[in-house]
Amino acid sequence: MTRFYERMRDAEKGINRGFFITPEELDRRKPDLITRVFQGIPGLSVQFPPGRDGRRDKVVYGPLRTGPGGDRCAMTIYLDGLRVFPTLGGGAGTRVDDSLDTLVIPTDVAAIEIYPYPVDAPPQYQSLNGRCGVILLWTK
């Protein structure tokens, strides 16, 4: 959490650009699903991915467009510093976008950092392809 507060102070000084959801804000909002926290963050949208026939599996999309059809880029999500979405590998029979709402219980989350554009994320969380934004979830 120390790094969370350092990066939040840096953002207040204009050193980086991110959105920070503090423990107090999470306690005030009391979301029933973690994906509800991302509603209202500029540039983000939470949607069911195409072809998922109404299951609960929602993906958090960032503002950047990728691909020839202008598809939105799915945010890269880290939980306590470990990348969880999209998962690495993705071999036969594995899914790269299992439900974040299933994996993360909102009452277990201490703080959240959101970087809609990959260049704004802390260097250790920037992906090699640099295409999608980053969400950092920190648990209690």
Protein backbone atom coordinates (compact mmCIF):
# COMPACT_ATOMS: atom_id res chain seq x y z
CA MET A 1 0.00 0.00 0.00
CA THR A 2 2.98 2.33 0.47
CA ARG A 3 3.59 2.44 -3.29
CA PHE A 4 -0.14 3.07 -3.85
CA TYR A 5 -0.03 6.23 -1.75
CA GLU A 6 3.27 7.35 -3.32
CA ARG A 7 1.80 7.02 -6.83
CA MET A 8 -1.39 8.78 -5.70
CA ARG A 9 0.66 11.71 -4.38
CA ASP A 10 2.63 11.77 -7.65
CA ALA A 11 -0.64 11.99 -9.58
CA GLU A 12 -1.77 14.90 -7.42
CA LYS A 13 1.50 16.65 -8.35
CA GLY A 14 0.95 15.89 -12.04
CA ILE A 15 3.83 13.42 -12.23
CA ASN A 16 1.66 10.54 -13.44
CA ARG A 17 -1.86 10.09 -14.73
CA GLY A 18 -4.03 7.52 -13.09
CA PHE A 19 -7.22 7.14 -11.12
CA PHE A 20 -6.94 6.06 -7.50
CA ILE A 21 -9.70 4.48 -5.46
CA THR A 22 -8.81 4.61 -1.78
CA PRO A 23 -9.96 2.28 1.00
CA GLU A 24 -12.27 5.04 2.21
CA GLU A 25 -13.87 5.39 -1.23
CA LEU A 26 -14.39 1.63 -1.50
CA ASP A 27 -15.94 1.56 1.96
CA ARG A 28 -18.26 4.42 1.04
CA ARG A 29 -19.35 2.88 -2.28
CA LYS A 30 -19.73 -0.72 -1.03
CA PRO A 31 -19.88 -2.30 -4.51
CA ASP A 32 -21.51 -5.72 -4.74
CA LEU A 33 -19.33 -6.63 -7.77
CA ILE A 34 -15.78 -5.40 -8.35
CA THR A 35 -16.57 -4.47 -11.96
CA ARG A 36 -19.10 -1.89 -10.71
CA VAL A 37 -16.16 0.12 -9.31
CA PHE A 38 -15.00 0.85 -12.86
CA GLN A 39 -18.28 2.44 -13.94
CA GLY A 40 -17.85 6.17 -14.35
CA ILE A 41 -14.06 6.07 -14.85
CA PRO A 42 -13.38 8.09 -18.01
CA GLY A 43 -12.50 5.86 -20.95
CA LEU A 44 -13.42 2.56 -19.28
CA SER A 45 -16.37 0.35 -20.01
CA VAL A 46 -17.45 -2.95 -18.52
CA GLN A 47 -19.12 -5.24 -21.03
CA PHE A 48 -19.86 -8.83 -21.80
CA PRO A 49 -17.40 -9.91 -24.47
CA PRO A 50 -18.91 -10.85 -27.84
CA GLY A 51 -20.09 -14.45 -28.07
CA ARG A 52 -20.43 -15.06 -24.32
CA ASP A 53 -24.20 -15.73 -24.48
CA GLY A 54 -25.11 -13.80 -21.34
CA ARG A 55 -22.83 -15.41 -18.77
CA ARG A 56 -21.44 -13.29 -15.92
CA ASP A 57 -18.00 -13.00 -17.52
CA LYS A 58 -17.46 -9.28 -17.92
CA VAL A 59 -14.36 -7.64 -19.29
CA VAL A 60 -13.08 -4.16 -18.46
CA TYR A 61 -12.23 -2.36 -21.68
CA GLY A 62 -10.03 0.69 -21.93
CA PRO A 63 -10.21 3.65 -24.29
CA LEU A 64 -7.74 2.40 -26.89
CA ARG A 65 -8.88 0.80 -30.11
CA THR A 66 -7.07 -2.20 -31.51
CA GLY A 67 -7.57 -4.35 -34.55
CA PRO A 68 -9.07 -3.59 -37.92
CA GLY A 69 -12.64 -3.36 -36.58
CA GLY A 70 -11.67 -0.80 -33.96
CA ASP A 71 -12.31 -3.22 -31.10
CA ARG A 72 -11.60 -1.84 -27.67
CA CYS A 73 -8.61 -3.16 -25.81
CA ALA A 74 -9.19 -5.27 -22.67
CA MET A 75 -7.40 -3.79 -19.67
CA THR A 76 -4.52 -5.75 -18.16
CA ILE A 77 -5.39 -6.48 -14.53
CA TYR A 78 -2.98 -7.24 -11.68
CA LEU A 79 -4.00 -8.55 -8.28
CA ASP A 80 -1.40 -7.78 -5.58
CA GLY A 81 1.24 -7.39 -8.27
CA LEU A 82 0.44 -10.61 -10.16
CA ARG A 83 -1.08 -10.45 -13.63
CA VAL A 84 -4.49 -12.12 -13.67
CA PHE A 85 -6.18 -10.77 -16.83
CA PRO A 86 -5.66 -11.51 -19.55
CA THR A 87 -4.00 -14.66 -18.31
CA LEU A 88 -0.74 -15.73 -19.82
CA GLY A 89 -0.67 -18.87 -21.92
CA GLY A 90 -4.21 -19.33 -23.08
CA GLY A 91 -3.69 -22.83 -24.47
CA ALA A 92 -6.48 -25.10 -25.63
CA GLY A 93 -9.32 -25.29 -23.13
CA THR A 94 -8.25 -22.24 -21.13
CA ARG A 95 -10.05 -18.94 -21.09
CA VAL A 96 -8.20 -15.66 -21.12
CA ASP A 97 -10.98 -13.61 -19.56
CA ASP A 98 -12.55 -15.57 -16.73
CA SER A 99 -14.83 -13.41 -14.66
CA LEU A 100 -13.09 -10.79 -12.55
CA ASP A 101 -16.26 -10.66 -10.44
CA THR A 102 -15.76 -14.33 -9.57
CA LEU A 103 -12.08 -13.94 -8.70
CA VAL A 104 -12.23 -10.73 -6.64
CA ILE A 105 -14.58 -10.08 -3.74
CA PRO A 106 -15.05 -6.31 -3.29
CA THR A 107 -14.79 -6.43 0.51
CA ASP A 108 -11.31 -7.99 0.14
CA VAL A 109 -10.00 -5.06 -1.93
CA ALA A 110 -8.04 -2.36 -0.11
CA ALA A 111 -7.29 0.01 -3.00
CA ILE A 112 -7.33 0.27 -6.79
CA GLU A 113 -5.14 2.07 -9.31
CA ILE A 114 -6.40 2.58 -12.86
CA TYR A 115 -4.23 3.63 -15.78
CA PRO A 116 -6.42 3.79 -18.93
CA TYR A 117 -3.39 4.29 -21.16
CA PRO A 118 -0.48 1.84 -20.91
CA VAL A 119 2.19 4.54 -21.02
CA ASP A 120 0.85 6.00 -17.76
CA ALA A 121 1.17 2.75 -15.76
CA PRO A 122 4.17 2.19 -13.47
CA PRO A 123 6.99 0.68 -15.56
CA GLN A 124 6.90 -2.72 -13.86
CA TYR A 125 3.25 -3.13 -14.94
CA GLN A 126 3.56 -1.99 -18.52
CA SER A 127 3.15 -4.86 -20.95
CA LEU A 128 5.67 -5.51 -23.66
CA ASN A 129 3.18 -4.79 -26.42
CA GLY A 130 2.05 -1.59 -24.67
CA ARG A 131 -1.40 -1.78 -26.21
CA CYS A 132 -3.77 -1.80 -23.27
CA GLY A 133 -4.24 0.08 -20.04
CA VAL A 134 -3.63 -1.36 -16.58
CA ILE A 135 -5.67 -1.89 -13.41
CA LEU A 136 -3.87 -2.66 -10.14
CA LEU A 137 -6.01 -4.24 -7.41
CA TRP A 138 -4.57 -4.39 -3.89
CA THR A 139 -6.17 -6.64 -1.27
CA LYS A 140 -6.35 -6.22 2.50
